[in-house]
C-alpha cells in the first residue's frame, strides 16, 4: 500500500464533507430566508442519500488500503452510511439533519465526517 491510497480516500472524504456542508447551507437558507420547509426537507434528504451511499462509493478507495486500515475504514464508513439509511427509512427530517453531529456539537466545529477525513489524512 502506498500513501497515495490514503490520500485519495482522505480527499474523497473531504469532498463529500464539503458537499454535505453545501447542502446544509442551502437547507438553512431555504428554511430561514424563504421559510421553505419542503425545500429544507428535500436538501436534508439529499444529504442523507449522499451519506447512505458513502461506504459503497468509497469501496474502491478503501480496498486499495492495507488490510487493517481497509477494515477500519470500511467499518467506519458503513456506520455513517447505516445511520443515513436509517434516517431515510424512518423519514425523519430531524434525524437527517442531525447526521454526523454529536449531541454536544457547537456551530462552527467540524462534524464527524470532517474529523474522520482528517484522521484518514493523518494515516499518510
PDB file of N, CA and C in Angstrom:
ATOM      1  N   UNK A   1       0.840  -1.184   0.000  1.00  0.00           N
ATOM      2  CA  UNK A   1       0.000   0.000   0.000  1.00  0.00           C
ATOM      3  C   UNK A   1       0.883   1.245   0.000  1.00  0.00           C
ATOM      4  N   UNK A   2       0.483   2.206  -0.746  1.00  0.00           N
ATOM      5  CA  UNK A   2       1.231   3.456  -0.785  1.00  0.00           C
ATOM      6  C   UNK A   2       0.418   4.542  -0.078  1.00  0.00           C
ATOM      7  N   UNK A   3       1.116   5.576   0.360  1.00  0.00           N
ATOM      8  CA  UNK A   3       0.385   6.697   0.960  1.00  0.00           C
ATOM      9  C   UNK A   3      -0.639   7.297  -0.003  1.00  0.00           C
ATOM     10  N   UNK A   4      -0.460   7.054  -1.300  1.00  0.00           N
ATOM     11  CA  UNK A   4      -1.384   7.592  -2.298  1.00  0.00           C
ATOM     12  C   UNK A   4      -2.810   7.110  -2.046  1.00  0.00           C
ATOM     13  N   UNK A   5      -2.976   5.847  -1.684  1.00  0.00           N
ATOM     14  CA  UNK A   5      -4.309   5.305  -1.427  1.00  0.00           C
ATOM     15  C   UNK A   5      -4.964   6.035  -0.255  1.00  0.00           C
ATOM     16  N   UNK A   6      -4.186   6.318   0.762  1.00  0.00           N
ATOM     17  CA  UNK A   6      -4.703   7.041   1.927  1.00  0.00           C
ATOM     18  C   UNK A   6      -5.105   8.453   1.528  1.00  0.00           C
ATOM     19  N   UNK A   7      -4.237   9.120   0.789  1.00  0.00           N
ATOM     20  CA  UNK A   7      -4.516  10.498   0.358  1.00  0.00           C
ATOM     21  C   UNK A   7      -5.759  10.544  -0.524  1.00  0.00           C
ATOM     22  N   UNK A   8      -5.901   9.569  -1.400  1.00  0.00           N
ATOM     23  CA  UNK A   8      -7.088   9.536  -2.269  1.00  0.00           C
ATOM     24  C   UNK A   8      -8.362   9.359  -1.453  1.00  0.00           C
ATOM     25  N   UNK A   9      -8.337   8.478  -0.446  1.00  0.00           N
ATOM     26  CA  UNK A   9      -9.520   8.301   0.397  1.00  0.00           C
ATOM     27  C   UNK A   9      -9.798   9.567   1.190  1.00  0.00           C
ATOM     28  N   UNK A  10      -8.754  10.161   1.761  1.00  0.00           N
ATOM     29  CA  UNK A  10      -8.940  11.391   2.536  1.00  0.00           C
ATOM     30  C   UNK A  10      -9.533  12.496   1.668  1.00  0.00           C
ATOM     31  N   UNK A  11      -9.031  12.633   0.462  1.00  0.00           N
ATOM     32  CA  UNK A  11      -9.546  13.655  -0.451  1.00  0.00           C
ATOM     33  C   UNK A  11     -11.005  13.394  -0.794  1.00  0.00           C
ATOM     34  N   UNK A  12     -11.339  12.143  -1.070  1.00  0.00           N
ATOM     35  CA  UNK A  12     -12.728  11.772  -1.344  1.00  0.00           C
ATOM     36  C   UNK A  12     -13.623  12.153  -0.161  1.00  0.00           C
ATOM     37  N   UNK A  13     -13.187  11.834   1.056  1.00  0.00           N
ATOM     38  CA  UNK A  13     -13.987  12.140   2.242  1.00  0.00           C
ATOM     39  C   UNK A  13     -14.119  13.649   2.449  1.00  0.00           C
ATOM     40  N   UNK A  14     -13.048  14.382   2.202  1.00  0.00           N
ATOM     41  CA  UNK A  14     -13.106  15.845   2.316  1.00  0.00           C
ATOM     42  C   UNK A  14     -14.078  16.436   1.303  1.00  0.00           C
ATOM     43  N   UNK A  15     -14.077  15.881   0.095  1.00  0.00           N
ATOM     44  CA  UNK A  15     -15.014  16.362  -0.931  1.00  0.00           C
ATOM     45  C   UNK A  15     -16.453  16.063  -0.543  1.00  0.00           C
ATOM     46  N   UNK A  16     -16.697  14.869  -0.019  1.00  0.00           N
ATOM     47  CA  UNK A  16     -18.052  14.536   0.429  1.00  0.00           C
ATOM     48  C   UNK A  16     -18.475  15.436   1.582  1.00  0.00           C
ATOM     49  N   UNK A  17     -17.554  15.680   2.506  1.00  0.00           N
ATOM     50  CA  UNK A  17     -17.873  16.559   3.634  1.00  0.00           C
ATOM     51  C   UNK A  17     -18.205  17.962   3.137  1.00  0.00           C
ATOM     52  N   UNK A  18     -17.476  18.444   2.150  1.00  0.00           N
ATOM     53  CA  UNK A  18     -17.754  19.771   1.584  1.00  0.00           C
ATOM     54  C   UNK A  18     -19.139  19.793   0.935  1.00  0.00           C
ATOM     55  N   UNK A  19     -19.498  18.715   0.262  1.00  0.00           N
ATOM     56  CA  UNK A  19     -20.828  18.631  -0.347  1.00  0.00           C
ATOM     57  C   UNK A  19     -21.908  18.641   0.731  1.00  0.00           C
ATOM     58  N   UNK A  20     -21.670  17.917   1.816  1.00  0.00           N
ATOM     59  CA  UNK A  20     -22.617  17.913   2.937  1.00  0.00           C
ATOM     60  C   UNK A  20     -22.785  19.325   3.486  1.00  0.00           C
ATOM     61  N   UNK A  21     -21.676  20.021   3.690  1.00  0.00           N
ATOM     62  CA  UNK A  21     -21.752  21.392   4.206  1.00  0.00           C
ATOM     63  C   UNK A  21     -22.525  22.298   3.250  1.00  0.00           C
ATOM     64  N   UNK A  22     -22.309  22.126   1.961  1.00  0.00           N
ATOM     65  CA  UNK A  22     -23.022  22.942   0.976  1.00  0.00           C
ATOM     66  C   UNK A  22     -24.521  22.661   1.023  1.00  0.00           C
ATOM     67  N   UNK A  23     -24.891  21.386   1.119  1.00  0.00           N
ATOM     68  CA  UNK A  23     -26.312  21.032   1.206  1.00  0.00           C
ATOM     69  C   UNK A  23     -26.942  21.599   2.473  1.00  0.00           C
ATOM     70  N   UNK A  24     -26.211  21.525   3.563  1.00  0.00           N
ATOM     71  CA  UNK A  24     -26.734  22.069   4.818  1.00  0.00           C
ATOM     72  C   UNK A  24     -26.901  23.581   4.739  1.00  0.00           C
ATOM     73  N   UNK A  25     -25.960  24.251   4.103  1.00  0.00           N
ATOM     74  CA  UNK A  25     -26.066  25.710   3.947  1.00  0.00           C
ATOM     75  C   UNK A  25     -27.263  26.076   3.073  1.00  0.00           C
ATOM     76  N   UNK A  26     -27.460  25.323   1.997  1.00  0.00           N
ATOM     77  CA  UNK A  26     -28.626  25.559   1.136  1.00  0.00           C
ATOM     78  C   UNK A  26     -29.913  25.321   1.912  1.00  0.00           C
ATOM     79  N   UNK A  27     -29.935  24.265   2.712  1.00  0.00           N
ATOM     80  CA  UNK A  27     -31.128  23.951   3.504  1.00  0.00           C
ATOM     81  C   UNK A  27     -31.416  25.055   4.511  1.00  0.00           C
ATOM     82  N   UNK A  28     -30.367  25.522   5.181  1.00  0.00           N
ATOM     83  CA  UNK A  28     -30.541  26.596   6.160  1.00  0.00           C
ATOM     84  C   UNK A  28     -31.080  27.864   5.498  1.00  0.00           C
ATOM     85  N   UNK A  29     -30.570  28.191   4.326  1.00  0.00           N
ATOM     86  CA  UNK A  29     -31.054  29.371   3.610  1.00  0.00           C
ATOM     87  C   UNK A  29     -32.526  29.204   3.236  1.00  0.00           C
ATOM     88  N   UNK A  30     -32.891  28.010   2.811  1.00  0.00           N
ATOM     89  CA  UNK A  30     -34.287  27.769   2.434  1.00  0.00           C
ATOM     90  C   UNK A  30     -35.220  27.935   3.624  1.00  0.00           C
ATOM     91  N   UNK A  31     -34.839  27.375   4.760  1.00  0.00           N
ATOM     92  CA  UNK A  31     -35.740  27.410   5.917  1.00  0.00           C
ATOM     93  C   UNK A  31     -35.760  28.793   6.577  1.00  0.00           C
ATOM     94  N   UNK A  32     -34.603  29.447   6.656  1.00  0.00           N
ATOM     95  CA  UNK A  32     -34.545  30.732   7.359  1.00  0.00           C
ATOM     96  C   UNK A  32     -34.944  31.912   6.481  1.00  0.00           C
ATOM     97  N   UNK A  33     -34.478  31.919   5.249  1.00  0.00           N
ATOM     98  CA  UNK A  33     -34.741  33.060   4.375  1.00  0.00           C
ATOM     99  C   UNK A  33     -36.088  32.973   3.668  1.00  0.00           C
ATOM    100  N   UNK A  34     -36.452  31.767   3.251  1.00  0.00           N
ATOM    101  CA  UNK A  34     -37.668  31.608   2.457  1.00  0.00           C
ATOM    102  C   UNK A  34     -38.791  30.887   3.194  1.00  0.00           C
ATOM    103  N   UNK A  35     -38.491  30.420   4.398  1.00  0.00           N
ATOM    104  CA  UNK A  35     -39.488  29.665   5.191  1.00  0.00           C
ATOM    105  C   UNK A  35     -40.024  28.475   4.398  1.00  0.00           C
ATOM    106  N   UNK A  36     -39.133  27.863   3.627  1.00  0.00           N
ATOM    107  CA  UNK A  36     -39.483  26.759   2.732  1.00  0.00           C
ATOM    108  C   UNK A  36     -39.178  25.419   3.410  1.00  0.00           C
ATOM    109  N   UNK A  37     -40.143  24.919   4.171  1.00  0.00           N
ATOM    110  CA  UNK A  37     -39.966  23.666   4.896  1.00  0.00           C
ATOM    111  C   UNK A  37     -39.765  22.483   3.938  1.00  0.00           C
ATOM    112  N   UNK A  38     -40.511  22.459   2.849  1.00  0.00           N
ATOM    113  CA  UNK A  38     -40.385  21.357   1.887  1.00  0.00           C
ATOM    114  C   UNK A  38     -39.003  21.380   1.228  1.00  0.00           C
ATOM    115  N   UNK A  39     -38.516  22.556   0.906  1.00  0.00           N
ATOM    116  CA  UNK A  39     -37.185  22.677   0.313  1.00  0.00           C
ATOM    117  C   UNK A  39     -36.105  22.245   1.287  1.00  0.00           C
ATOM    118  N   UNK A  40     -36.276  22.629   2.542  1.00  0.00           N
ATOM    119  CA  UNK A  40     -35.337  22.217   3.590  1.00  0.00           C
ATOM    120  C   UNK A  40     -35.326  20.690   3.707  1.00  0.00           C
ATOM    121  N   UNK A  41     -36.498  20.099   3.760  1.00  0.00           N
ATOM    122  CA  UNK A  41     -36.604  18.643   3.879  1.00  0.00           C
ATOM    123  C   UNK A  41     -35.958  17.950   2.677  1.00  0.00           C
ATOM    124  N   UNK A  42     -36.130  18.506   1.488  1.00  0.00           N
ATOM    125  CA  UNK A  42     -35.534  17.917   0.286  1.00  0.00           C
ATOM    126  C   UNK A  42     -33.999  17.958   0.360  1.00  0.00           C
ATOM    127  N   UNK A  43     -33.452  19.045   0.853  1.00  0.00           N
ATOM    128  CA  UNK A  43     -31.988  19.154   0.987  1.00  0.00           C
ATOM    129  C   UNK A  43     -31.474  18.180   2.048  1.00  0.00           C
ATOM    130  N   UNK A  44     -32.220  18.006   3.130  1.00  0.00           N
ATOM    131  CA  UNK A  44     -31.810  17.054   4.163  1.00  0.00           C
ATOM    132  C   UNK A  44     -31.881  15.620   3.629  1.00  0.00           C
ATOM    133  N   UNK A  45     -32.880  15.355   2.814  1.00  0.00           N
ATOM    134  CA  UNK A  45     -32.975  14.024   2.185  1.00  0.00           C
ATOM    135  C   UNK A  45     -31.787  13.811   1.247  1.00  0.00           C
ATOM    136  N   UNK A  46     -31.426  14.845   0.492  1.00  0.00           N
ATOM    137  CA  UNK A  46     -30.283  14.753  -0.417  1.00  0.00           C
ATOM    138  C   UNK A  46     -28.994  14.475   0.376  1.00  0.00           C
ATOM    139  N   UNK A  47     -28.838  15.146   1.508  1.00  0.00           N
ATOM    140  CA  UNK A  47     -27.698  14.906   2.393  1.00  0.00           C
ATOM    141  C   UNK A  47     -27.692  13.453   2.857  1.00  0.00           C
ATOM    142  N   UNK A  48     -28.826  12.967   3.324  1.00  0.00           N
ATOM    143  CA  UNK A  48     -28.918  11.596   3.825  1.00  0.00           C
ATOM    144  C   UNK A  48     -28.634  10.580   2.717  1.00  0.00           C
ATOM    145  N   UNK A  49     -29.130  10.835   1.534  1.00  0.00           N
ATOM    146  CA  UNK A  49     -28.880   9.919   0.408  1.00  0.00           C
ATOM    147  C   UNK A  49     -27.388   9.888   0.058  1.00  0.00           C
ATOM    148  N   UNK A  50     -26.751  11.045   0.069  1.00  0.00           N
ATOM    149  CA  UNK A  50     -25.314  11.122  -0.205  1.00  0.00           C
ATOM    150  C   UNK A  50     -24.534  10.297   0.823  1.00  0.00           C
ATOM    151  N   UNK A  51     -24.923  10.439   2.083  1.00  0.00           N
ATOM    152  CA  UNK A  51     -24.230   9.701   3.141  1.00  0.00           C
ATOM    153  C   UNK A  51     -24.581   8.214   3.117  1.00  0.00           C
ATOM    154  N   UNK A  52     -25.793   7.877   2.748  1.00  0.00           N
ATOM    155  CA  UNK A  52     -26.178   6.466   2.656  1.00  0.00           C
ATOM    156  C   UNK A  52     -25.332   5.741   1.611  1.00  0.00           C
ATOM    157  N   UNK A  53     -24.912   6.451   0.584  1.00  0.00           N
ATOM    158  CA  UNK A  53     -24.094   5.870  -0.487  1.00  0.00           C
ATOM    159  C   UNK A  53     -22.594   5.953  -0.204  1.00  0.00           C
ATOM    160  N   UNK A  54     -22.213   6.579   0.886  1.00  0.00           N
ATOM    161  CA  UNK A  54     -20.804   6.852   1.170  1.00  0.00           C
ATOM    162  C   UNK A  54     -19.940   5.595   1.173  1.00  0.00           C
ATOM    163  N   UNK A  55     -20.324   4.581   1.921  1.00  0.00           N
ATOM    164  CA  UNK A  55     -19.494   3.371   2.029  1.00  0.00           C
ATOM    165  C   UNK A  55     -19.332   2.691   0.673  1.00  0.00           C
ATOM    166  N   UNK A  56     -20.419   2.574  -0.059  1.00  0.00           N
ATOM    167  CA  UNK A  56     -20.344   1.926  -1.372  1.00  0.00           C
ATOM    168  C   UNK A  56     -19.499   2.747  -2.345  1.00  0.00           C
ATOM    169  N   UNK A  57     -19.682   4.052  -2.334  1.00  0.00           N
ATOM    170  CA  UNK A  57     -18.921   4.916  -3.239  1.00  0.00           C
ATOM    171  C   UNK A  57     -17.429   4.901  -2.920  1.00  0.00           C
ATOM    172  N   UNK A  58     -17.098   4.738  -1.649  1.00  0.00           N
ATOM    173  CA  UNK A  58     -15.693   4.738  -1.225  1.00  0.00           C
ATOM    174  C   UNK A  58     -15.040   3.362  -1.310  1.00  0.00           C
ATOM    175  N   UNK A  59     -15.819   2.342  -1.584  1.00  0.00           N
ATOM    176  CA  UNK A  59     -15.300   0.971  -1.539  1.00  0.00           C
ATOM    177  C   UNK A  59     -14.029   0.752  -2.356  1.00  0.00           C
ATOM    178  N   UNK A  60     -13.936   1.218  -3.601  1.00  0.00           N
ATOM    179  CA  UNK A  60     -12.677   1.002  -4.344  1.00  0.00           C
ATOM    180  C   UNK A  60     -11.473   1.662  -3.661  1.00  0.00           C
ATOM    181  N   UNK A  61     -11.686   2.817  -3.066  1.00  0.00           N
ATOM    182  CA  UNK A  61     -10.600   3.510  -2.373  1.00  0.00           C
ATOM    183  C   UNK A  61     -10.223   2.777  -1.088  1.00  0.00           C
ATOM    184  N   UNK A  62     -11.219   2.283  -0.376  1.00  0.00           N
ATOM    185  CA  UNK A  62     -10.980   1.523   0.856  1.00  0.00           C
ATOM    186  C   UNK A  62     -10.228   0.241   0.533  1.00  0.00           C
ATOM    187  N   UNK A  63     -10.624  -0.429  -0.536  1.00  0.00           N
ATOM    188  CA  UNK A  63      -9.989  -1.687  -0.914  1.00  0.00           C
ATOM    189  C   UNK A  63      -8.525  -1.525  -1.304  1.00  0.00           C
ATOM    190  N   UNK A  64      -8.112  -0.313  -1.643  1.00  0.00           N
ATOM    191  CA  UNK A  64      -6.723  -0.052  -2.011  1.00  0.00           C
ATOM    192  C   UNK A  64      -5.819   0.114  -0.786  1.00  0.00           C
ATOM    193  N   UNK A  65      -6.435   0.198   0.389  1.00  0.00           N
ATOM    194  CA  UNK A  65      -5.659   0.353   1.622  1.00  0.00           C
ATOM    195  C   UNK A  65      -5.115  -0.993   2.080  1.00  0.00           C
ATOM    196  N   UNK A  66      -4.127  -0.952   2.959  1.00  0.00           N
ATOM    197  CA  UNK A  66      -3.645  -2.202   3.545  1.00  0.00           C
ATOM    198  C   UNK A  66      -4.775  -2.784   4.407  1.00  0.00           C
ATOM    199  N   UNK A  67      -4.819  -4.095   4.593  1.00  0.00           N
ATOM    200  CA  UNK A  67      -5.987  -4.764   5.181  1.00  0.00           C
ATOM    201  C   UNK A  67      -6.483  -4.219   6.522  1.00  0.00           C
ATOM    202  N   UNK A  68      -5.598  -3.901   7.435  1.00  0.00           N
ATOM    203  CA  UNK A  68      -6.050  -3.410   8.744  1.00  0.00           C
ATOM    204  C   UNK A  68      -6.749  -2.060   8.598  1.00  0.00           C
ATOM    205  N   UNK A  69      -6.158  -1.162   7.818  1.00  0.00           N
ATOM    206  CA  UNK A  69      -6.779   0.147   7.596  1.00  0.00           C
ATOM    207  C   UNK A  69      -8.065   0.010   6.785  1.00  0.00           C
ATOM    208  N   UNK A  70      -8.060  -0.887   5.813  1.00  0.00           N
ATOM    209  CA  UNK A  70      -9.257  -1.094   4.992  1.00  0.00           C
ATOM    210  C   UNK A  70     -10.420  -1.573   5.856  1.00  0.00           C
ATOM    211  N   UNK A  71     -10.144  -2.479   6.765  1.00  0.00           N
ATOM    212  CA  UNK A  71     -11.201  -2.985   7.656  1.00  0.00           C
ATOM    213  C   UNK A  71     -11.754  -1.858   8.520  1.00  0.00           C
ATOM    214  N   UNK A  72     -10.845  -1.081   9.125  1.00  0.00           N
ATOM    215  CA  UNK A  72     -11.270   0.032   9.988  1.00  0.00           C
ATOM    216  C   UNK A  72     -12.060   1.073   9.201  1.00  0.00           C
ATOM    217  N   UNK A  73     -11.560   1.444   8.032  1.00  0.00           N
ATOM    218  CA  UNK A  73     -12.235   2.454   7.211  1.00  0.00           C
ATOM    219  C   UNK A  73     -13.589   1.944   6.741  1.00  0.00           C
ATOM    220  N   UNK A  74     -13.625   0.700   6.291  1.00  0.00           N
ATOM    221  CA  UNK A  74     -14.891   0.127   5.831  1.00  0.00           C
ATOM    222  C   UNK A  74     -15.948   0.117   6.915  1.00  0.00           C
ATOM    223  N   UNK A  75     -15.547  -0.247   8.124  1.00  0.00           N
ATOM    224  CA  UNK A  75     -16.498  -0.273   9.243  1.00  0.00           C
ATOM    225  C   UNK A  75     -16.991   1.125   9.583  1.00  0.00           C
ATOM    226  N   UNK A  76     -16.086   2.085   9.593  1.00  0.00           N
ATOM    227  CA  UNK A  76     -16.468   3.456   9.942  1.00  0.00           C
ATOM    228  C   UNK A  76     -17.414   4.045   8.893  1.00  0.00           C
ATOM    229  N   UNK A  77     -17.084   3.826   7.630  1.00  0.00           N
ATOM    230  CA  UNK A  77     -17.935   4.355   6.564  1.00  0.00           C
ATOM    231  C   UNK A  77     -19.283   3.637   6.535  1.00  0.00           C
ATOM    232  N   UNK A  78     -19.280   2.351   6.836  1.00  0.00           N
ATOM    233  CA  UNK A  78     -20.542   1.615   6.914  1.00  0.00           C
ATOM    234  C   UNK A  78     -21.422   2.165   8.034  1.00  0.00           C
ATOM    235  N   UNK A  79     -20.800   2.601   9.105  1.00  0.00           N
ATOM    236  CA  UNK A  79     -21.556   3.204  10.204  1.00  0.00           C
ATOM    237  C   UNK A  79     -22.222   4.510   9.758  1.00  0.00           C
ATOM    238  N   UNK A  80     -21.446   5.359   9.076  1.00  0.00           N
ATOM    239  CA  UNK A  80     -22.024   6.605   8.547  1.00  0.00           C
ATOM    240  C   UNK A  80     -23.183   6.294   7.602  1.00  0.00           C
ATOM    241  N   UNK A  81     -22.960   5.361   6.686  1.00  0.00           N
ATOM    242  CA  UNK A  81     -23.984   5.018   5.694  1.00  0.00           C
ATOM    243  C   UNK A  81     -25.195   4.382   6.347  1.00  0.00           C
ATOM    244  N   UNK A  82     -24.965   3.535   7.335  1.00  0.00           N
ATOM    245  CA  UNK A  82     -26.076   2.872   8.011  1.00  0.00           C
ATOM    246  C   UNK A  82     -26.981   3.854   8.736  1.00  0.00           C
ATOM    247  N   UNK A  83     -26.392   4.816   9.412  1.00  0.00           N
ATOM    248  CA  UNK A  83     -27.198   5.838  10.096  1.00  0.00           C
ATOM    249  C   UNK A  83     -28.015   6.647   9.091  1.00  0.00           C
ATOM    250  N   UNK A  84     -27.383   6.983   7.981  1.00  0.00           N
ATOM    251  CA  UNK A  84     -28.092   7.753   6.958  1.00  0.00           C
ATOM    252  C   UNK A  84     -29.231   6.946   6.356  1.00  0.00           C
ATOM    253  N   UNK A  85     -28.978   5.675   6.080  1.00  0.00           N
ATOM    254  CA  UNK A  85     -30.036   4.817   5.534  1.00  0.00           C
ATOM    255  C   UNK A  85     -31.194   4.696   6.524  1.00  0.00           C
ATOM    256  N   UNK A  86     -30.859   4.585   7.813  1.00  0.00           N
ATOM    257  CA  UNK A  86     -31.909   4.501   8.824  1.00  0.00           C
ATOM    258  C   UNK A  86     -32.744   5.780   8.845  1.00  0.00           C
ATOM    259  N   UNK A  87     -32.076   6.935   8.716  1.00  0.00           N
ATOM    260  CA  UNK A  87     -32.820   8.197   8.726  1.00  0.00           C
ATOM    261  C   UNK A  87     -33.775   8.272   7.539  1.00  0.00           C
ATOM    262  N   UNK A  88     -33.345   7.730   6.406  1.00  0.00           N
ATOM    263  CA  UNK A  88     -34.215   7.705   5.225  1.00  0.00           C
ATOM    264  C   UNK A  88     -35.380   6.742   5.422  1.00  0.00           C
ATOM    265  N   UNK A  89     -35.098   5.600   6.028  1.00  0.00           N
ATOM    266  CA  UNK A  89     -36.171   4.623   6.278  1.00  0.00           C
ATOM    267  C   UNK A  89     -37.205   5.170   7.245  1.00  0.00           C
ATOM    268  N   UNK A  90     -36.743   5.879   8.262  1.00  0.00           N
ATOM    269  CA  UNK A  90     -37.645   6.466   9.248  1.00  0.00           C
ATOM    270  C   UNK A  90     -38.371   7.669   8.653  1.00  0.00           C
ATOM    271  N   UNK A  91     -37.684   8.368   7.757  1.00  0.00           N
ATOM    272  CA  UNK A  91     -38.274   9.547   7.124  1.00  0.00           C
ATOM    273  C   UNK A  91     -38.241  10.785   8.001  1.00  0.00           C
ATOM    274  N   UNK A  92     -37.375  10.788   9.002  1.00  0.00           N
ATOM    275  CA  UNK A  92     -37.294  11.907   9.934  1.00  0.00           C
ATOM    276  C   UNK A  92     -36.331  12.972   9.433  1.00  0.00           C
ATOM    277  N   UNK A  93     -36.848  14.137   9.143  1.00  0.00           N
ATOM    278  CA  UNK A  93     -36.014  15.252   8.699  1.00  0.00           C
ATOM    279  C   UNK A  93     -35.056  15.652   9.825  1.00  0.00           C
ATOM    280  N   UNK A  94     -35.525  15.590  11.057  1.00  0.00           N
ATOM    281  CA  UNK A  94     -34.657  15.913  12.188  1.00  0.00           C
ATOM    282  C   UNK A  94     -33.482  14.946  12.241  1.00  0.00           C
ATOM    283  N   UNK A  95     -33.753  13.658  12.104  1.00  0.00           N
ATOM    284  CA  UNK A  95     -32.698  12.642  12.105  1.00  0.00           C
ATOM    285  C   UNK A  95     -31.720  12.926  10.972  1.00  0.00           C
ATOM    286  N   UNK A  96     -32.231  13.249   9.785  1.00  0.00           N
ATOM    287  CA  UNK A  96     -31.366  13.557   8.645  1.00  0.00           C
ATOM    288  C   UNK A  96     -30.494  14.774   8.935  1.00  0.00           C
ATOM    289  N   UNK A  97     -31.075  15.779   9.566  1.00  0.00           N
ATOM    290  CA  UNK A  97     -30.316  16.998   9.853  1.00  0.00           C
ATOM    291  C   UNK A  97     -29.237  16.747  10.900  1.00  0.00           C
ATOM    292  N   UNK A  98     -29.465  15.789  11.800  1.00  0.00           N
ATOM    293  CA  UNK A  98     -28.523  15.510  12.884  1.00  0.00           C
ATOM    294  C   UNK A  98     -27.402  14.559  12.473  1.00  0.00           C
ATOM    295  N   UNK A  99     -27.499  13.963  11.279  1.00  0.00           N
ATOM    296  CA  UNK A  99     -26.451  13.052  10.834  1.00  0.00           C
ATOM    297  C   UNK A  99     -25.097  13.742  10.891  1.00  0.00           C
ATOM    298  N   UNK A 100     -24.110  13.054  11.412  1.00  0.00           N
ATOM    299  CA  UNK A 100     -22.711  13.484  11.528  1.00  0.00           C
ATOM    300  C   UNK A 100     -22.439  14.400  12.711  1.00  0.00           C
ATOM    301  N   UNK A 101     -23.452  14.737  13.482  1.00  0.00           N
ATOM    302  CA  UNK A 101     -23.247  15.678  14.573  1.00  0.00           C
ATOM    303  C   UNK A 101     -23.494  15.016  15.922  1.00  0.00           C
ATOM    304  N   UNK A 102     -22.479  15.060  16.811  1.00  0.00           N
ATOM    305  CA  UNK A 102     -22.701  14.541  18.167  1.00  0.00           C
ATOM    306  C   UNK A 102     -23.617  15.489  18.931  1.00  0.00           C
ATOM    307  N   UNK A 103     -24.206  15.004  20.003  1.00  0.00           N
ATOM    308  CA  UNK A 103     -25.137  15.813  20.796  1.00  0.00           C
ATOM    309  C   UNK A 103     -24.514  17.122  21.267  1.00  0.00           C
ATOM    310  N   UNK A 104     -23.227  17.090  21.605  1.00  0.00           N
ATOM    311  CA  UNK A 104     -22.561  18.272  22.155  1.00  0.00           C
ATOM    312  C   UNK A 104     -21.942  19.178  21.091  1.00  0.00           C
ATOM    313  N   UNK A 105     -22.285  18.970  19.831  1.00  0.00           N
ATOM    314  CA  UNK A 105     -21.708  19.766  18.735  1.00  0.00           C
ATOM    315  C   UNK A 105     -22.086  21.234  18.867  1.00  0.00           C
ATOM    316  N   UNK A 106     -21.106  22.087  18.598  1.00  0.00           N
ATOM    317  CA  UNK A 106     -21.332  23.536  18.600  1.00  0.00           C
ATOM    318  C   UNK A 106     -21.135  24.062  17.184  1.00  0.00           C
ATOM    319  N   UNK A 107     -21.918  25.059  16.766  1.00  0.00           N
ATOM    320  CA  UNK A 107     -21.770  25.623  15.427  1.00  0.00           C
ATOM    321  C   UNK A 107     -20.321  26.031  15.164  1.00  0.00           C
ATOM    322  N   UNK A 108     -19.867  25.727  13.958  1.00  0.00           N
ATOM    323  CA  UNK A 108     -18.509  26.073  13.562  1.00  0.00           C
ATOM    324  C   UNK A 108     -17.498  24.967  13.804  1.00  0.00           C
ATOM    325  N   UNK A 109     -17.855  23.996  14.647  1.00  0.00           N
ATOM    326  CA  UNK A 109     -16.959  22.866  14.884  1.00  0.00           C
ATOM    327  C   UNK A 109     -17.095  21.870  13.737  1.00  0.00           C
ATOM    328  N   UNK A 110     -16.035  21.110  13.471  1.00  0.00           N
ATOM    329  CA  UNK A 110     -16.137  20.096  12.414  1.00  0.00           C
ATOM    330  C   UNK A 110     -17.126  19.002  12.799  1.00  0.00           C
ATOM    331  N   UNK A 111     -17.781  18.444  11.799  1.00  0.00           N
ATOM    332  CA  UNK A 111     -18.681  17.322  12.071  1.00  0.00           C
ATOM    333  C   UNK A 111     -17.861  16.024  12.069  1.00  0.00           C
ATOM    334  N   UNK A 112     -18.507  14.905  12.310  1.00  0.00           N
ATOM    335  CA  UNK A 112     -17.789  13.637  12.411  1.00  0.00           C
ATOM    336  C   UNK A 112     -17.136  13.213  11.097  1.00  0.00           C
ATOM    337  N   UNK A 113     -17.710  13.577   9.965  1.00  0.00           N
ATOM    338  CA  UNK A 113     -17.087  13.245   8.685  1.00  0.00           C
ATOM    339  C   UNK A 113     -15.843  14.100   8.462  1.00  0.00           C
ATOM    340  N   UNK A 114     -15.907  15.367   8.822  1.00  0.00           N
ATOM    341  CA  UNK A 114     -14.720  16.231   8.752  1.00  0.00           C
ATOM    342  C   UNK A 114     -13.597  15.642   9.600  1.00  0.00           C
ATOM    343  N   UNK A 115     -13.942  15.247  10.816  1.00  0.00           N
ATOM    344  CA  UNK A 115     -12.947  14.691  11.735  1.00  0.00           C
ATOM    345  C   UNK A 115     -12.364  13.395  11.189  1.00  0.00           C
ATOM    346  N   UNK A 116     -13.217  12.567  10.604  1.00  0.00           N
ATOM    347  CA  UNK A 116     -12.725  11.296  10.086  1.00  0.00           C
ATOM    348  C   UNK A 116     -11.825  11.509   8.865  1.00  0.00           C
ATOM    349  N   UNK A 117     -12.187  12.447   8.008  1.00  0.00           N
ATOM    350  CA  UNK A 117     -11.334  12.754   6.847  1.00  0.00           C
ATOM    351  C   UNK A 117      -9.958  13.205   7.305  1.00  0.00           C
ATOM    352  N   UNK A 118      -9.907  14.032   8.350  1.00  0.00           N
ATOM    353  CA  UNK A 118      -8.626  14.489   8.893  1.00  0.00           C
ATOM    354  C   UNK A 118      -7.854  13.317   9.497  1.00  0.00           C
ATOM    355  N   UNK A 119      -8.557  12.425  10.179  1.00  0.00           N
ATOM    356  CA  UNK A 119      -7.911  11.249  10.747  1.00  0.00           C
ATOM    357  C   UNK A 119      -7.280  10.387   9.644  1.00  0.00           C
ATOM    358  N   UNK A 120      -8.056  10.154   8.567  1.00  0.00           N
ATOM    359  CA  UNK A 120      -7.547   9.352   7.454  1.00  0.00           C
ATOM    360  C   UNK A 120      -6.321  10.032   6.845  1.00  0.00           C
ATOM    361  N   UNK A 121      -6.382  11.337   6.644  1.00  0.00           N
ATOM    362  CA  UNK A 121      -5.239  12.048   6.063  1.00  0.00           C
ATOM    363  C   UNK A 121      -4.017  11.878   6.976  1.00  0.00           C
ATOM    364  N   UNK A 122      -4.211  11.805   8.270  1.00  0.00           N
ATOM    365  CA  UNK A 122      -3.123  11.611   9.218  1.00  0.00           C
ATOM    366  C   UNK A 122      -2.462  10.248   9.117  1.00  0.00           C
ATOM    367  N   UNK A 123      -3.118   9.292   8.457  1.00  0.00           N
ATOM    368  CA  UNK A 123      -2.519   7.965   8.272  1.00  0.00           C
ATOM    369  C   UNK A 123      -1.369   7.992   7.277  1.00  0.00           C
ATOM    370  N   UNK A 124      -1.350   8.998   6.410  1.00  0.00           N
ATOM    371  CA  UNK A 124      -0.330   9.037   5.334  1.00  0.00           C
ATOM    372  C   UNK A 124       1.048   9.379   5.875  1.00  0.00           C
TER     373      UNK A 124
END
